[in-house]
Amino acid sequence: MQGRIIKQISNDYTVFAHDKTYICKCRGIFRKEGIKPLVGDFVEFHPDKKLIERILPRKNELVRPPVANIDQAIIITSLKEPDFSTNLLDKLLSIIDYHNIKPIIILTKLDLLSEQEKNFLMPMIAYYRQYYEIYENHDLEAIKNCLKERVSVLTGQSGAGKSTLLNHLDPSLQIATGEISKALGRGKHTTRHVELLSLYGGLVADTPGFSAIDLKGMTKEDIRNSFPEFRNFTCEYRDCMHVNEQNCEVKKLVLENKILKSRYENYLKFIGK
């Protein structure tokens, strides 16, 4: 029988098939061959033995959070407590683009900003809106609509408000939320496992939060190509890395403030420059 893994806790995988769920184990050979099933995987399983026998080909997968076959990634982005991090946001956007997943940014905690902070952050947000779909966390109807008929993963730094947003979308979920650690500037990890939740005609993965992520597996060229604003311009050299090359259109636009300086600086950090 074929089904889809919708939840994993330790070595137990909940498989959904024909309107029923089955809590399954994996064949021992998976461990020997280093194969790890992911939430979102389509699998062949034995419903009586409760045993996953084969993982079907994936269209994509993420390592952190560990999910597969995702249509879009919803990046919950706090503007304060924890503070807005262009470095983390740009890393997530780069990784998501690399995996051919559509990114959607949802901003949280706008109400905590002072006027001075708003004046600093809003022009940056306006820049991101040129290239990415962005909502505020109170735009619930728009967010519900973008979930329809898609498999979405919610991700972002701990304490940004992922579980809170899910509870606002569907209060019956009653997902535990945590306080922000004042000392560390980040939230407690309140989500302990990965699970696909049925929500507004789609599936949404609520995943453990995290405070750091790397670009493992991506080449410098992959990172360069994951910045959409870099793809819009033609430099003198076809393989321009936008670092030391002459007549680089991207560097020129950074100086003209047409490409956000923090984006370019993060790009240089990501490729080790």
C-alpha atoms as a PDB file:
ATOM      1  CA  MET A   1       0.000   0.000   0.000  1.00  0.00           C
ATOM      2  CA  GLN A   2       1.166   3.558  -0.682  1.00  0.00           C
ATOM      3  CA  GLY A   3       0.841   6.424   1.768  1.00  0.00           C
ATOM      4  CA  ARG A   4       2.547   9.524   3.048  1.00  0.00           C
ATOM      5  CA  ILE A   5       4.514  10.021   6.261  1.00  0.00           C
ATOM      6  CA  ILE A   6       2.793  12.829   8.162  1.00  0.00           C
ATOM      7  CA  LYS A   7       4.513  12.543  11.537  1.00  0.00           C
ATOM      8  CA  GLN A   8       7.686  11.209  13.104  1.00  0.00           C
ATOM      9  CA  ILE A   9       8.429  10.716  16.798  1.00  0.00           C
ATOM     10  CA  SER A  10      11.678   8.841  17.445  1.00  0.00           C
ATOM     11  CA  ASN A  11      11.484   5.635  15.349  1.00  0.00           C
ATOM     12  CA  ASP A  12       7.703   5.749  14.935  1.00  0.00           C
ATOM     13  CA  TYR A  13       6.387   7.036  11.598  1.00  0.00           C
ATOM     14  CA  THR A  14       2.713   7.899  11.163  1.00  0.00           C
ATOM     15  CA  VAL A  15       1.649   7.046   7.611  1.00  0.00           C
ATOM     16  CA  PHE A  16      -1.599   8.406   6.141  1.00  0.00           C
ATOM     17  CA  ALA A  17      -3.333   6.329   3.470  1.00  0.00           C
ATOM     18  CA  HIS A  18      -6.977   6.036   2.353  1.00  0.00           C
ATOM     19  CA  ASP A  19      -8.259   8.268   5.187  1.00  0.00           C
ATOM     20  CA  LYS A  20      -6.546   6.140   7.856  1.00  0.00           C
ATOM     21  CA  THR A  21      -3.294   6.458   9.792  1.00  0.00           C
ATOM     22  CA  TYR A  22      -0.813   3.692  10.576  1.00  0.00           C
ATOM     23  CA  ILE A  23       2.065   3.957  13.061  1.00  0.00           C
ATOM     24  CA  CYS A  24       4.918   2.139  11.347  1.00  0.00           C
ATOM     25  CA  LYS A  25       8.530   1.167  11.821  1.00  0.00           C
ATOM     26  CA  CYS A  26      11.157   1.045   9.077  1.00  0.00           C
ATOM     27  CA  ARG A  27      12.871  -1.964   7.589  1.00  0.00           C
ATOM     28  CA  GLY A  28      16.204  -2.631   9.288  1.00  0.00           C
ATOM     29  CA  ILE A  29      18.006  -2.368   5.962  1.00  0.00           C
ATOM     30  CA  PHE A  30      17.209   1.367   5.867  1.00  0.00           C
ATOM     31  CA  ARG A  31      19.514   1.946   8.835  1.00  0.00           C
ATOM     32  CA  LYS A  32      22.245  -0.246   7.360  1.00  0.00           C
ATOM     33  CA  GLU A  33      22.120   1.671   4.062  1.00  0.00           C
ATOM     34  CA  GLY A  34      21.924   5.074   5.774  1.00  0.00           C
ATOM     35  CA  ILE A  35      18.432   5.772   4.435  1.00  0.00           C
ATOM     36  CA  LYS A  36      16.288   7.959   6.674  1.00  0.00           C
ATOM     37  CA  PRO A  37      12.590   8.462   5.944  1.00  0.00           C
ATOM     38  CA  LEU A  38      11.383  12.050   6.252  1.00  0.00           C
ATOM     39  CA  VAL A  39       8.026  13.558   7.056  1.00  0.00           C
ATOM     40  CA  GLY A  40       6.440  14.297   3.680  1.00  0.00           C
ATOM     41  CA  ASP A  41       7.838  11.156   2.046  1.00  0.00           C
ATOM     42  CA  PHE A  42       5.576   9.001  -0.092  1.00  0.00           C
ATOM     43  CA  VAL A  43       6.198   5.392   0.888  1.00  0.00           C
ATOM     44  CA  GLU A  44       5.169   1.827   0.222  1.00  0.00           C
ATOM     45  CA  PHE A  45       4.275   0.062   3.470  1.00  0.00           C
ATOM     46  CA  HIS A  46       2.684  -3.119   4.765  1.00  0.00           C
ATOM     47  CA  PRO A  47      -0.499  -2.105   6.646  1.00  0.00           C
ATOM     48  CA  ASP A  48      -0.705  -5.314   8.709  1.00  0.00           C
ATOM     49  CA  LYS A  49       2.975  -5.546   9.650  1.00  0.00           C
ATOM     50  CA  LYS A  50       3.052  -1.731  10.105  1.00  0.00           C
ATOM     51  CA  LEU A  51       6.344  -1.691   8.236  1.00  0.00           C
ATOM     52  CA  ILE A  52       7.664   0.898   5.758  1.00  0.00           C
ATOM     53  CA  GLU A  53       9.219  -1.076   2.909  1.00  0.00           C
ATOM     54  CA  ARG A  54      10.206   1.560   0.336  1.00  0.00           C
ATOM     55  CA  ILE A  55      10.596   5.321   0.055  1.00  0.00           C
ATOM     56  CA  LEU A  56       9.387   6.691  -3.274  1.00  0.00           C
ATOM     57  CA  PRO A  57      11.493   9.294  -5.156  1.00  0.00           C
ATOM     58  CA  ARG A  58      11.476  12.803  -3.636  1.00  0.00           C
ATOM     59  CA  LYS A  59      11.101  16.036  -5.578  1.00  0.00           C
ATOM     60  CA  ASN A  60      13.070  17.871  -2.874  1.00  0.00           C
ATOM     61  CA  GLU A  61      14.127  17.656   0.742  1.00  0.00           C
ATOM     62  CA  LEU A  62      15.405  19.877   3.525  1.00  0.00           C
ATOM     63  CA  VAL A  63      17.845  18.869   6.254  1.00  0.00           C
ATOM     64  CA  ARG A  64      16.848  21.452   8.871  1.00  0.00           C
ATOM     65  CA  PRO A  65      13.919  21.111   9.249  1.00  0.00           C
ATOM     66  CA  PRO A  66      13.902  17.481   7.996  1.00  0.00           C
ATOM     67  CA  VAL A  67      10.999  17.357   5.528  1.00  0.00           C
ATOM     68  CA  ALA A  68      10.503  16.204   1.936  1.00  0.00           C
ATOM     69  CA  ASN A  69       8.282  16.967  -1.065  1.00  0.00           C
ATOM     70  CA  ILE A  70       7.586  20.561  -0.057  1.00  0.00           C
ATOM     71  CA  ASP A  71       5.842  23.095  -2.317  1.00  0.00           C
ATOM     72  CA  GLN A  72       6.563  26.233  -0.321  1.00  0.00           C
ATOM     73  CA  ALA A  73       8.474  27.368   2.740  1.00  0.00           C
ATOM     74  CA  ILE A  74       6.862  29.931   5.009  1.00  0.00           C
ATOM     75  CA  ILE A  75       9.600  31.785   6.854  1.00  0.00           C
ATOM     76  CA  ILE A  76       8.304  33.220  10.115  1.00  0.00           C
ATOM     77  CA  THR A  77      10.440  36.309  10.623  1.00  0.00           C
ATOM     78  CA  SER A  78      10.412  38.158  13.919  1.00  0.00           C
ATOM     79  CA  LEU A  79      11.189  41.875  13.822  1.00  0.00           C
ATOM     80  CA  LYS A  80      11.870  42.054  17.555  1.00  0.00           C
ATOM     81  CA  GLU A  81      12.395  39.601  20.458  1.00  0.00           C
ATOM     82  CA  PRO A  82      14.221  37.951  18.733  1.00  0.00           C
ATOM     83  CA  ASP A  83      15.482  40.852  16.629  1.00  0.00           C
ATOM     84  CA  PHE A  84      15.259  40.858  12.839  1.00  0.00           C
ATOM     85  CA  SER A  85      18.274  39.018  11.383  1.00  0.00           C
ATOM     86  CA  THR A  86      19.075  39.657   7.723  1.00  0.00           C
ATOM     87  CA  ASN A  87      21.808  37.013   7.956  1.00  0.00           C
ATOM     88  CA  LEU A  88      19.431  34.229   9.008  1.00  0.00           C
ATOM     89  CA  LEU A  89      16.666  35.354   6.643  1.00  0.00           C
ATOM     90  CA  ASP A  90      19.042  35.522   3.670  1.00  0.00           C
ATOM     91  CA  LYS A  91      20.475  32.091   4.501  1.00  0.00           C
ATOM     92  CA  LEU A  92      16.994  30.588   4.611  1.00  0.00           C
ATOM     93  CA  LEU A  93      15.978  32.297   1.366  1.00  0.00           C
ATOM     94  CA  SER A  94      19.148  31.064  -0.323  1.00  0.00           C
ATOM     95  CA  ILE A  95      18.672  27.457   0.816  1.00  0.00           C
ATOM     96  CA  ILE A  96      14.972  27.448  -0.096  1.00  0.00           C
ATOM     97  CA  ASP A  97      15.635  28.876  -3.570  1.00  0.00           C
ATOM     98  CA  TYR A  98      18.399  26.284  -4.109  1.00  0.00           C
ATOM     99  CA  HIS A  99      15.887  23.485  -3.433  1.00  0.00           C
ATOM    100  CA  ASN A 100      13.361  24.974  -5.883  1.00  0.00           C
ATOM    101  CA  ILE A 101      10.858  25.665  -3.115  1.00  0.00           C
ATOM    102  CA  LYS A 102       8.796  28.838  -3.164  1.00  0.00           C
ATOM    103  CA  PRO A 103       9.614  31.117  -0.199  1.00  0.00           C
ATOM    104  CA  ILE A 104       6.934  33.136   1.597  1.00  0.00           C
ATOM    105  CA  ILE A 105       7.910  35.548   4.378  1.00  0.00           C
ATOM    106  CA  ILE A 106       5.564  36.256   7.284  1.00  0.00           C
ATOM    107  CA  LEU A 107       6.546  39.098   9.587  1.00  0.00           C
ATOM    108  CA  THR A 108       5.744  38.880  13.295  1.00  0.00           C
ATOM    109  CA  LYS A 109       5.895  41.216  16.319  1.00  0.00           C
ATOM    110  CA  LEU A 110       5.521  44.456  14.370  1.00  0.00           C
ATOM    111  CA  ASP A 111       3.595  45.820  17.358  1.00  0.00           C
ATOM    112  CA  LEU A 112       6.761  45.685  19.489  1.00  0.00           C
ATOM    113  CA  LEU A 113       8.674  48.097  17.248  1.00  0.00           C
ATOM    114  CA  SER A 114       9.284  51.718  18.205  1.00  0.00           C
ATOM    115  CA  GLU A 115       8.776  54.384  15.527  1.00  0.00           C
ATOM    116  CA  GLN A 116      12.534  54.686  15.169  1.00  0.00           C
ATOM    117  CA  GLU A 117      12.838  50.929  14.631  1.00  0.00           C
ATOM    118  CA  LYS A 118      10.022  50.994  12.080  1.00  0.00           C
ATOM    119  CA  ASN A 119      11.727  53.797  10.168  1.00  0.00           C
ATOM    120  CA  PHE A 120      14.889  51.680  10.021  1.00  0.00           C
ATOM    121  CA  LEU A 121      13.307  48.325   9.150  1.00  0.00           C
ATOM    122  CA  MET A 122      10.418  49.172   6.817  1.00  0.00           C
ATOM    123  CA  PRO A 123      12.595  50.309   3.865  1.00  0.00           C
ATOM    124  CA  MET A 124      14.469  46.998   4.148  1.00  0.00           C
ATOM    125  CA  ILE A 125      11.184  45.076   4.141  1.00  0.00           C
ATOM    126  CA  ALA A 126      10.047  47.072   1.100  1.00  0.00           C
ATOM    127  CA  TYR A 127      13.188  45.905  -0.704  1.00  0.00           C
ATOM    128  CA  TYR A 128      12.435  42.229   0.052  1.00  0.00           C
ATOM    129  CA  ARG A 129       8.873  42.715  -1.246  1.00  0.00           C
ATOM    130  CA  GLN A 130      10.308  43.308  -4.726  1.00  0.00           C
ATOM    131  CA  TYR A 131      11.470  39.702  -4.871  1.00  0.00           C
ATOM    132  CA  TYR A 132       9.431  37.728  -2.334  1.00  0.00           C
ATOM    133  CA  GLU A 133       5.828  37.241  -1.271  1.00  0.00           C
ATOM    134  CA  ILE A 134       5.454  38.837   2.179  1.00  0.00           C
ATOM    135  CA  TYR A 135       2.574  38.931   4.675  1.00  0.00           C
ATOM    136  CA  GLU A 136       2.178  40.235   8.190  1.00  0.00           C
ATOM    137  CA  ASN A 137       1.011  37.761  10.823  1.00  0.00           C
ATOM    138  CA  HIS A 138      -2.400  39.466  11.146  1.00  0.00           C
ATOM    139  CA  ASP A 139      -3.125  38.901   7.405  1.00  0.00           C
ATOM    140  CA  LEU A 140      -4.814  35.631   8.330  1.00  0.00           C
ATOM    141  CA  GLU A 141      -7.177  35.341   5.345  1.00  0.00           C
ATOM    142  CA  ALA A 142      -4.360  35.887   2.859  1.00  0.00           C
ATOM    143  CA  ILE A 143      -2.205  33.333   4.691  1.00  0.00           C
ATOM    144  CA  LYS A 144      -5.046  30.787   4.720  1.00  0.00           C
ATOM    145  CA  ASN A 145      -5.506  31.248   0.986  1.00  0.00           C
ATOM    146  CA  CYS A 146      -1.830  30.634   0.213  1.00  0.00           C
ATOM    147  CA  LEU A 147      -1.972  27.303   2.087  1.00  0.00           C
ATOM    148  CA  LYS A 148      -4.631  25.750  -0.181  1.00  0.00           C
ATOM    149  CA  GLU A 149      -3.592  22.653  -2.136  1.00  0.00           C
ATOM    150  CA  ARG A 150       0.053  23.057  -1.144  1.00  0.00           C
ATOM    151  CA  VAL A 151       2.455  21.356   1.233  1.00  0.00           C
ATOM    152  CA  SER A 152       4.074  24.088   3.287  1.00  0.00           C
ATOM    153  CA  VAL A 153       6.859  24.074   5.826  1.00  0.00           C
ATOM    154  CA  LEU A 154       6.976  26.723   8.536  1.00  0.00           C
ATOM    155  CA  THR A 155      10.479  27.649   9.540  1.00  0.00           C
ATOM    156  CA  GLY A 156      12.485  30.463  11.089  1.00  0.00           C
ATOM    157  CA  GLN A 157      14.372  31.209  14.262  1.00  0.00           C
ATOM    158  CA  SER A 158      13.135  29.928  17.623  1.00  0.00           C
ATOM    159  CA  GLY A 159      10.682  32.263  19.288  1.00  0.00           C
ATOM    160  CA  ALA A 160       9.674  33.961  16.034  1.00  0.00           C
ATOM    161  CA  GLY A 161       6.063  32.858  16.452  1.00  0.00           C
ATOM    162  CA  LYS A 162       5.536  29.745  14.298  1.00  0.00           C
ATOM    163  CA  SER A 163       3.367  27.881  16.804  1.00  0.00           C
ATOM    164  CA  THR A 164       1.526  31.083  17.751  1.00  0.00           C
ATOM    165  CA  LEU A 165       0.637  31.690  14.108  1.00  0.00           C
ATOM    166  CA  LEU A 166      -0.668  28.135  13.706  1.00  0.00           C
ATOM    167  CA  ASN A 167      -2.815  28.573  16.801  1.00  0.00           C
ATOM    168  CA  HIS A 168      -4.258  31.792  15.358  1.00  0.00           C
ATOM    169  CA  LEU A 169      -5.027  30.024  12.088  1.00  0.00           C
ATOM    170  CA  ASP A 170      -6.686  27.125  13.911  1.00  0.00           C
ATOM    171  CA  PRO A 171      -7.215  27.547  17.686  1.00  0.00           C
ATOM    172  CA  SER A 172      -8.157  23.858  18.017  1.00  0.00           C
ATOM    173  CA  LEU A 173      -4.524  22.894  17.418  1.00  0.00           C
ATOM    174  CA  GLN A 174      -3.496  24.217  20.858  1.00  0.00           C
ATOM    175  CA  ILE A 175       0.216  23.946  20.033  1.00  0.00           C
ATOM    176  CA  ALA A 176       2.470  24.768  22.977  1.00  0.00           C
ATOM    177  CA  THR A 177       4.331  28.071  22.709  1.00  0.00           C
ATOM    178  CA  GLY A 178       7.277  29.365  24.693  1.00  0.00           C
ATOM    179  CA  GLU A 179       8.599  32.527  26.206  1.00  0.00           C
ATOM    180  CA  ILE A 180      11.628  34.347  24.820  1.00  0.00           C
ATOM    181  CA  SER A 181      14.815  33.911  26.796  1.00  0.00           C
ATOM    182  CA  LYS A 182      15.942  37.440  27.679  1.00  0.00           C
ATOM    183  CA  ALA A 183      19.486  36.233  28.317  1.00  0.00           C
ATOM    184  CA  LEU A 184      19.901  34.391  25.015  1.00  0.00           C
ATOM    185  CA  GLY A 185      17.610  36.516  22.850  1.00  0.00           C
ATOM    186  CA  ARG A 186      15.915  33.438  21.428  1.00  0.00           C
ATOM    187  CA  GLY A 187      12.946  31.258  22.228  1.00  0.00           C
ATOM    188  CA  LYS A 188      12.657  27.877  23.857  1.00  0.00           C
ATOM    189  CA  HIS A 189      12.269  24.916  21.502  1.00  0.00           C
ATOM    190  CA  THR A 190       8.596  24.139  22.073  1.00  0.00           C
ATOM    191  CA  THR A 191       8.012  21.905  19.021  1.00  0.00           C
ATOM    192  CA  ARG A 192       9.614  18.507  19.639  1.00  0.00           C
ATOM    193  CA  HIS A 193       8.867  16.673  16.415  1.00  0.00           C
ATOM    194  CA  VAL A 194       7.966  17.244  12.766  1.00  0.00           C
ATOM    195  CA  GLU A 195       4.334  16.755  11.770  1.00  0.00           C
ATOM    196  CA  LEU A 196       2.179  17.572   8.733  1.00  0.00           C
ATOM    197  CA  LEU A 197      -1.053  19.214   9.860  1.00  0.00           C
ATOM    198  CA  SER A 198      -4.137  19.386   7.636  1.00  0.00           C
ATOM    199  CA  LEU A 199      -4.992  23.069   7.399  1.00  0.00           C
ATOM    200  CA  TYR A 200      -7.256  25.026   5.019  1.00  0.00           C
ATOM    201  CA  GLY A 201      -7.067  22.564   2.165  1.00  0.00           C
ATOM    202  CA  GLY A 202      -3.320  21.996   2.432  1.00  0.00           C
ATOM    203  CA  LEU A 203      -0.700  20.364   4.631  1.00  0.00           C
ATOM    204  CA  VAL A 204       1.526  22.403   6.925  1.00  0.00           C
ATOM    205  CA  ALA A 205       4.657  21.134   8.661  1.00  0.00           C
ATOM    206  CA  ASP A 206       5.141  22.456  12.173  1.00  0.00           C
ATOM    207  CA  THR A 207       8.837  21.931  12.867  1.00  0.00           C
ATOM    208  CA  PRO A 208      11.322  22.433  15.689  1.00  0.00           C
ATOM    209  CA  GLY A 209      12.724  25.953  15.676  1.00  0.00           C
ATOM    210  CA  PHE A 210      16.405  26.688  15.356  1.00  0.00           C
ATOM    211  CA  SER A 211      18.811  29.554  15.782  1.00  0.00           C
ATOM    212  CA  ALA A 212      21.489  28.600  13.250  1.00  0.00           C
ATOM    213  CA  ILE A 213      21.619  27.013   9.818  1.00  0.00           C
ATOM    214  CA  ASP A 214      24.368  26.338   7.305  1.00  0.00           C
ATOM    215  CA  LEU A 215      24.683  26.248   3.529  1.00  0.00           C
ATOM    216  CA  LYS A 216      26.158  22.755   3.432  1.00  0.00           C
ATOM    217  CA  GLY A 217      26.122  21.185  -0.005  1.00  0.00           C
ATOM    218  CA  MET A 218      25.841  24.482  -1.876  1.00  0.00           C
ATOM    219  CA  THR A 219      28.678  25.700  -4.100  1.00  0.00           C
ATOM    220  CA  LYS A 220      29.607  29.375  -4.351  1.00  0.00           C
ATOM    221  CA  GLU A 221      27.842  29.436  -7.707  1.00  0.00           C
ATOM    222  CA  ASP A 222      24.717  27.898  -6.148  1.00  0.00           C
ATOM    223  CA  ILE A 223      24.712  30.632  -3.509  1.00  0.00           C
ATOM    224  CA  ARG A 224      25.194  33.351  -6.135  1.00  0.00           C
ATOM    225  CA  ASN A 225      22.361  31.980  -8.263  1.00  0.00           C
ATOM    226  CA  SER A 226      19.999  31.857  -5.274  1.00  0.00           C
ATOM    227  CA  PHE A 227      19.881  35.680  -5.028  1.00  0.00           C
ATOM    228  CA  PRO A 228      17.106  36.729  -7.457  1.00  0.00           C
ATOM    229  CA  GLU A 229      18.323  40.331  -7.743  1.00  0.00           C
ATOM    230  CA  PHE A 230      21.672  39.083  -9.051  1.00  0.00           C
ATOM    231  CA  ARG A 231      19.902  37.165 -11.804  1.00  0.00           C
ATOM    232  CA  ASN A 232      18.246  40.312 -13.170  1.00  0.00           C
ATOM    233  CA  PHE A 233      21.452  41.911 -14.441  1.00  0.00           C
ATOM    234  CA  THR A 234      24.176  40.988 -16.914  1.00  0.00           C
ATOM    235  CA  CYS A 235      27.760  41.653 -15.879  1.00  0.00           C
ATOM    236  CA  GLU A 236      30.670  41.911 -18.315  1.00  0.00           C
ATOM    237  CA  TYR A 237      31.790  38.391 -17.393  1.00  0.00           C
ATOM    238  CA  ARG A 238      29.213  35.650 -17.793  1.00  0.00           C
ATOM    239  CA  ASP A 239      30.484  33.758 -14.721  1.00  0.00           C
ATOM    240  CA  CYS A 240      30.923  36.914 -12.611  1.00  0.00           C
ATOM    241  CA  MET A 241      30.930  36.199  -8.866  1.00  0.00           C
ATOM    242  CA  HIS A 242      30.360  39.900  -8.060  1.00  0.00           C
ATOM    243  CA  VAL A 243      33.484  40.148  -5.898  1.00  0.00           C
ATOM    244  CA  ASN A 244      36.633  41.481  -7.605  1.00  0.00           C
ATOM    245  CA  GLU A 245      35.614  41.451 -11.269  1.00  0.00           C
ATOM    246  CA  GLN A 246      35.748  44.658 -13.311  1.00  0.00           C
ATOM    247  CA  ASN A 247      32.572  46.254 -14.665  1.00  0.00           C
ATOM    248  CA  CYS A 248      30.391  44.198 -12.307  1.00  0.00           C
ATOM    249  CA  GLU A 249      26.816  45.404 -12.612  1.00  0.00           C
ATOM    250  CA  VAL A 250      25.844  43.994  -9.212  1.00  0.00           C
ATOM    251  CA  LYS A 251      28.601  45.884  -7.335  1.00  0.00           C
ATOM    252  CA  LYS A 252      27.624  49.046  -9.213  1.00  0.00           C
ATOM    253  CA  LEU A 253      23.986  48.667  -8.128  1.00  0.00           C
ATOM    254  CA  VAL A 254      25.036  48.082  -4.515  1.00  0.00           C
ATOM    255  CA  LEU A 255      26.902  51.400  -4.577  1.00  0.00           C
ATOM    256  CA  GLU A 256      23.807  53.043  -6.077  1.00  0.00           C
ATOM    257  CA  ASN A 257      21.660  51.563  -3.254  1.00  0.00           C
ATOM    258  CA  LYS A 258      19.564  49.667  -5.795  1.00  0.00           C
ATOM    259  CA  ILE A 259      20.667  46.361  -4.284  1.00  0.00           C
ATOM    260  CA  LEU A 260      20.361  46.212  -0.508  1.00  0.00           C
ATOM    261  CA  LYS A 261      23.837  46.509   1.016  1.00  0.00           C
ATOM    262  CA  SER A 262      23.143  43.975   3.779  1.00  0.00           C
ATOM    263  CA  ARG A 263      22.043  41.415   1.174  1.00  0.00           C
ATOM    264  CA  TYR A 264      25.300  41.838  -0.729  1.00  0.00           C
ATOM    265  CA  GLU A 265      27.375  41.727   2.464  1.00  0.00           C
ATOM    266  CA  ASN A 266      25.600  38.531   3.544  1.00  0.00           C
ATOM    267  CA  TYR A 267      26.266  37.049   0.117  1.00  0.00           C
ATOM    268  CA  LEU A 268      29.998  37.745   0.527  1.00  0.00           C
ATOM    269  CA  LYS A 269      29.960  36.076   3.948  1.00  0.00           C
ATOM    270  CA  PHE A 270      28.140  33.047   2.574  1.00  0.00           C
ATOM    271  CA  ILE A 271      30.749  32.465  -0.141  1.00  0.00           C
ATOM    272  CA  GLY A 272      33.608  33.099   2.292  1.00  0.00           C
ATOM    273  CA  LYS A 273      34.711  36.553   1.131  1.00  0.00           C
END
